[in-house]
Amino acid sequence: MGGMDLLSLPDAVELFYMAMETQDRFFEFWISATFAVIIACHLGSRTLTRGYSAIMAMMYTAFSVNMTSRWLLAQGAVTRYRAEMLTILEADTGSRLVDLARFLTFGTLIFGTICTLFFIWFTVKGRKVGRAAT
C-alpha cells in the first residue's frame, strides 16, 4: 500500500460535505438531548431528588462525551477530505470560515455540557421542598 491514489475532486467534495453533515447531525442530536435534560429538570424540579439528579448528570455526561468523541472523529474526516480537495486544486489554504464554524461548534459542545450539568445541580440545590396543595 505504498502509493495510494488521491480521490477525484468530485469524490473529495462529496465526502467532505458528507463528513460535515455527519458532524451537524451529531450536534443537532446533542442539542436536542441537552434541551430535553434542561426541560426535564425544570418541570421535575419538585420531584427530582439528589439520587435522580446524580443519575441524570452521569448519563448526560456519558452521552455528551460520546457525542463529542463522535463529533471529533467526523472532524478528522472533514479535515482529511478538505486537504484532499486542496491538494487536487493545488491551493495553499482552505476556508478559515470552516475552521471558525467548527471551533465555535466544539466550544458550544463543551460550554453547553458544563452549563447543563450546572443547571442539573442548580435545580437540585433550589428544589422546591413543599408539597402541592391537595
C-alpha atoms as a PDB file:
ATOM      1  CA  MET A   1       0.000   0.000   0.000  1.00  0.00           C
ATOM      2  CA  GLY A   2       2.870   2.325  -0.695  1.00  0.00           C
ATOM      3  CA  GLY A   3       1.340   4.527  -3.400  1.00  0.00           C
ATOM      4  CA  MET A   4      -2.242   5.374  -2.639  1.00  0.00           C
ATOM      5  CA  ASP A   5      -4.026   7.405  -5.306  1.00  0.00           C
ATOM      6  CA  LEU A   6      -5.782  10.614  -4.414  1.00  0.00           C
ATOM      7  CA  LEU A   7      -9.516  10.892  -4.707  1.00  0.00           C
ATOM      8  CA  SER A   8     -11.044  12.675  -7.670  1.00  0.00           C
ATOM      9  CA  LEU A   9     -12.254  16.204  -6.987  1.00  0.00           C
ATOM     10  CA  PRO A  10     -15.966  15.272  -7.150  1.00  0.00           C
ATOM     11  CA  ASP A  11     -15.378  12.358  -4.737  1.00  0.00           C
ATOM     12  CA  ALA A  12     -13.406  14.530  -2.324  1.00  0.00           C
ATOM     13  CA  VAL A  13     -16.071  17.255  -2.391  1.00  0.00           C
ATOM     14  CA  GLU A  14     -18.865  14.728  -1.823  1.00  0.00           C
ATOM     15  CA  LEU A  15     -17.029  13.074   1.081  1.00  0.00           C
ATOM     16  CA  PHE A  16     -16.185  16.477   2.561  1.00  0.00           C
ATOM     17  CA  TYR A  17     -19.836  17.511   2.628  1.00  0.00           C
ATOM     18  CA  MET A  18     -20.934  14.106   3.912  1.00  0.00           C
ATOM     19  CA  ALA A  19     -18.494  14.414   6.812  1.00  0.00           C
ATOM     20  CA  MET A  20     -19.736  17.931   7.570  1.00  0.00           C
ATOM     21  CA  GLU A  21     -23.353  16.716   7.500  1.00  0.00           C
ATOM     22  CA  THR A  22     -22.416  13.919   9.892  1.00  0.00           C
ATOM     23  CA  GLN A  23     -20.931  16.465  12.284  1.00  0.00           C
ATOM     24  CA  ASP A  24     -24.043  18.602  12.024  1.00  0.00           C
ATOM     25  CA  ARG A  25     -26.304  15.619  12.751  1.00  0.00           C
ATOM     26  CA  PHE A  26     -24.281  14.778  15.871  1.00  0.00           C
ATOM     27  CA  PHE A  27     -24.512  18.382  17.026  1.00  0.00           C
ATOM     28  CA  GLU A  28     -28.272  18.559  16.371  1.00  0.00           C
ATOM     29  CA  PHE A  29     -28.849  15.317  18.284  1.00  0.00           C
ATOM     30  CA  TRP A  30     -26.717  16.561  21.190  1.00  0.00           C
ATOM     31  CA  ILE A  31     -28.507  19.897  21.383  1.00  0.00           C
ATOM     32  CA  SER A  32     -31.935  18.200  21.313  1.00  0.00           C
ATOM     33  CA  ALA A  33     -30.920  15.931  24.186  1.00  0.00           C
ATOM     34  CA  THR A  34     -29.489  18.909  26.067  1.00  0.00           C
ATOM     35  CA  PHE A  35     -32.764  20.799  25.862  1.00  0.00           C
ATOM     36  CA  ALA A  36     -34.638  17.654  26.920  1.00  0.00           C
ATOM     37  CA  VAL A  37     -32.474  17.405  30.056  1.00  0.00           C
ATOM     38  CA  ILE A  38     -32.978  21.088  30.869  1.00  0.00           C
ATOM     39  CA  ILE A  39     -36.745  20.844  30.426  1.00  0.00           C
ATOM     40  CA  ALA A  40     -36.905  17.617  32.455  1.00  0.00           C
ATOM     41  CA  CYS A  41     -35.037  19.311  35.301  1.00  0.00           C
ATOM     42  CA  HIS A  42     -37.227  22.385  35.145  1.00  0.00           C
ATOM     43  CA  LEU A  43     -40.537  20.532  35.004  1.00  0.00           C
ATOM     44  CA  GLY A  44     -39.472  17.908  37.528  1.00  0.00           C
ATOM     45  CA  SER A  45     -37.895  20.327  39.982  1.00  0.00           C
ATOM     46  CA  ARG A  46     -40.410  19.386  42.704  1.00  0.00           C
ATOM     47  CA  THR A  47     -39.760  15.664  42.472  1.00  0.00           C
ATOM     48  CA  LEU A  48     -36.139  15.497  41.328  1.00  0.00           C
ATOM     49  CA  THR A  49     -34.098  14.014  44.172  1.00  0.00           C
ATOM     50  CA  ARG A  50     -30.335  14.132  44.585  1.00  0.00           C
ATOM     51  CA  GLY A  51     -30.097  10.494  43.525  1.00  0.00           C
ATOM     52  CA  TYR A  52     -32.075  11.011  40.326  1.00  0.00           C
ATOM     53  CA  SER A  53     -30.123  14.178  39.626  1.00  0.00           C
ATOM     54  CA  ALA A  54     -26.825  12.322  40.044  1.00  0.00           C
ATOM     55  CA  ILE A  55     -28.000   9.575  37.700  1.00  0.00           C
ATOM     56  CA  MET A  56     -29.193  12.166  35.171  1.00  0.00           C
ATOM     57  CA  ALA A  57     -25.886  14.048  35.404  1.00  0.00           C
ATOM     58  CA  MET A  58     -23.839  10.853  34.915  1.00  0.00           C
ATOM     59  CA  MET A  59     -25.948   9.715  31.970  1.00  0.00           C
ATOM     60  CA  TYR A  60     -25.833  13.161  30.378  1.00  0.00           C
ATOM     61  CA  THR A  61     -22.068  13.394  30.885  1.00  0.00           C
ATOM     62  CA  ALA A  62     -21.534   9.968  29.276  1.00  0.00           C
ATOM     63  CA  PHE A  63     -23.827  10.950  26.408  1.00  0.00           C
ATOM     64  CA  SER A  64     -22.025  14.265  25.879  1.00  0.00           C
ATOM     65  CA  VAL A  65     -18.586  12.623  25.931  1.00  0.00           C
ATOM     66  CA  ASN A  66     -19.829  10.070  23.400  1.00  0.00           C
ATOM     67  CA  MET A  67     -21.289  12.738  21.096  1.00  0.00           C
ATOM     68  CA  THR A  68     -18.205  14.949  21.408  1.00  0.00           C
ATOM     69  CA  SER A  69     -15.940  11.988  20.568  1.00  0.00           C
ATOM     70  CA  ARG A  70     -18.017  11.143  17.520  1.00  0.00           C
ATOM     71  CA  TRP A  71     -18.034  14.808  16.505  1.00  0.00           C
ATOM     72  CA  LEU A  72     -14.224  14.876  16.740  1.00  0.00           C
ATOM     73  CA  LEU A  73     -13.963  11.713  14.619  1.00  0.00           C
ATOM     74  CA  ALA A  74     -16.112  13.368  11.966  1.00  0.00           C
ATOM     75  CA  GLN A  75     -13.917  16.488  12.264  1.00  0.00           C
ATOM     76  CA  GLY A  76     -10.930  14.346  11.343  1.00  0.00           C
ATOM     77  CA  ALA A  77     -12.751  13.265   8.179  1.00  0.00           C
ATOM     78  CA  VAL A  78     -13.679  16.883   7.361  1.00  0.00           C
ATOM     79  CA  THR A  79     -10.034  17.908   7.704  1.00  0.00           C
ATOM     80  CA  ARG A  80      -8.809  14.939   5.649  1.00  0.00           C
ATOM     81  CA  TYR A  81     -11.218  15.489   2.749  1.00  0.00           C
ATOM     82  CA  ARG A  82     -10.634  19.241   2.747  1.00  0.00           C
ATOM     83  CA  ALA A  83      -6.896  18.537   2.463  1.00  0.00           C
ATOM     84  CA  GLU A  84      -7.631  16.183  -0.440  1.00  0.00           C
ATOM     85  CA  MET A  85      -9.620  18.901  -2.217  1.00  0.00           C
ATOM     86  CA  LEU A  86      -6.871  21.466  -1.673  1.00  0.00           C
ATOM     87  CA  THR A  87      -4.241  19.046  -2.979  1.00  0.00           C
ATOM     88  CA  ILE A  88      -6.253  18.378  -6.128  1.00  0.00           C
ATOM     89  CA  LEU A  89      -6.862  22.087  -6.671  1.00  0.00           C
ATOM     90  CA  GLU A  90      -3.225  22.842  -5.820  1.00  0.00           C
ATOM     91  CA  ALA A  91      -4.372  25.513  -3.407  1.00  0.00           C
ATOM     92  CA  ASP A  92      -2.341  26.721  -0.456  1.00  0.00           C
ATOM     93  CA  THR A  93      -5.042  27.349   2.099  1.00  0.00           C
ATOM     94  CA  GLY A  94      -8.587  26.388   2.957  1.00  0.00           C
ATOM     95  CA  SER A  95     -11.517  28.410   4.096  1.00  0.00           C
ATOM     96  CA  ARG A  96     -10.979  29.906   7.519  1.00  0.00           C
ATOM     97  CA  LEU A  97     -14.761  30.100   7.953  1.00  0.00           C
ATOM     98  CA  VAL A  98     -14.925  26.308   8.097  1.00  0.00           C
ATOM     99  CA  ASP A  99     -12.311  26.342  10.856  1.00  0.00           C
ATOM    100  CA  LEU A 100     -14.158  29.085  12.736  1.00  0.00           C
ATOM    101  CA  ALA A 101     -17.526  27.328  12.447  1.00  0.00           C
ATOM    102  CA  ARG A 102     -16.078  24.025  13.677  1.00  0.00           C
ATOM    103  CA  PHE A 103     -14.252  25.755  16.542  1.00  0.00           C
ATOM    104  CA  LEU A 104     -17.432  27.526  17.650  1.00  0.00           C
ATOM    105  CA  THR A 105     -19.467  24.318  17.446  1.00  0.00           C
ATOM    106  CA  PHE A 106     -16.881  22.465  19.539  1.00  0.00           C
ATOM    107  CA  GLY A 107     -16.918  25.303  22.063  1.00  0.00           C
ATOM    108  CA  THR A 108     -20.705  25.091  22.200  1.00  0.00           C
ATOM    109  CA  LEU A 109     -20.494  21.349  22.875  1.00  0.00           C
ATOM    110  CA  ILE A 110     -18.110  21.846  25.781  1.00  0.00           C
ATOM    111  CA  PHE A 111     -19.668  25.005  27.241  1.00  0.00           C
ATOM    112  CA  GLY A 112     -23.211  23.673  26.773  1.00  0.00           C
ATOM    113  CA  THR A 113     -22.374  20.442  28.569  1.00  0.00           C
ATOM    114  CA  ILE A 114     -20.864  22.321  31.506  1.00  0.00           C
ATOM    115  CA  CYS A 115     -23.839  24.703  31.702  1.00  0.00           C
ATOM    116  CA  THR A 116     -26.336  21.836  31.552  1.00  0.00           C
ATOM    117  CA  LEU A 117     -24.546  19.975  34.339  1.00  0.00           C
ATOM    118  CA  PHE A 118     -24.605  23.187  36.363  1.00  0.00           C
ATOM    119  CA  PHE A 119     -28.341  23.515  35.672  1.00  0.00           C
ATOM    120  CA  ILE A 120     -28.935  19.965  36.944  1.00  0.00           C
ATOM    121  CA  TRP A 121     -27.010  20.789  40.126  1.00  0.00           C
ATOM    122  CA  PHE A 122     -28.736  24.172  40.491  1.00  0.00           C
ATOM    123  CA  THR A 123     -32.164  22.532  40.126  1.00  0.00           C
ATOM    124  CA  VAL A 124     -31.401  20.158  42.999  1.00  0.00           C
ATOM    125  CA  LYS A 125     -29.991  22.939  45.162  1.00  0.00           C
ATOM    126  CA  GLY A 126     -33.012  25.170  44.542  1.00  0.00           C
ATOM    127  CA  ARG A 127     -35.542  22.332  44.748  1.00  0.00           C
ATOM    128  CA  LYS A 128     -38.977  23.343  45.948  1.00  0.00           C
ATOM    129  CA  VAL A 129     -39.406  21.184  49.039  1.00  0.00           C
ATOM    130  CA  GLY A 130     -43.060  21.847  49.808  1.00  0.00           C
ATOM    131  CA  ARG A 131     -45.852  19.561  48.695  1.00  0.00           C
ATOM    132  CA  ALA A 132     -48.534  20.745  46.298  1.00  0.00           C
ATOM    133  CA  ALA A 133     -51.812  21.679  47.963  1.00  0.00           C
ATOM    134  CA  THR A 134     -54.370  18.907  47.836  1.00  0.00           C
END
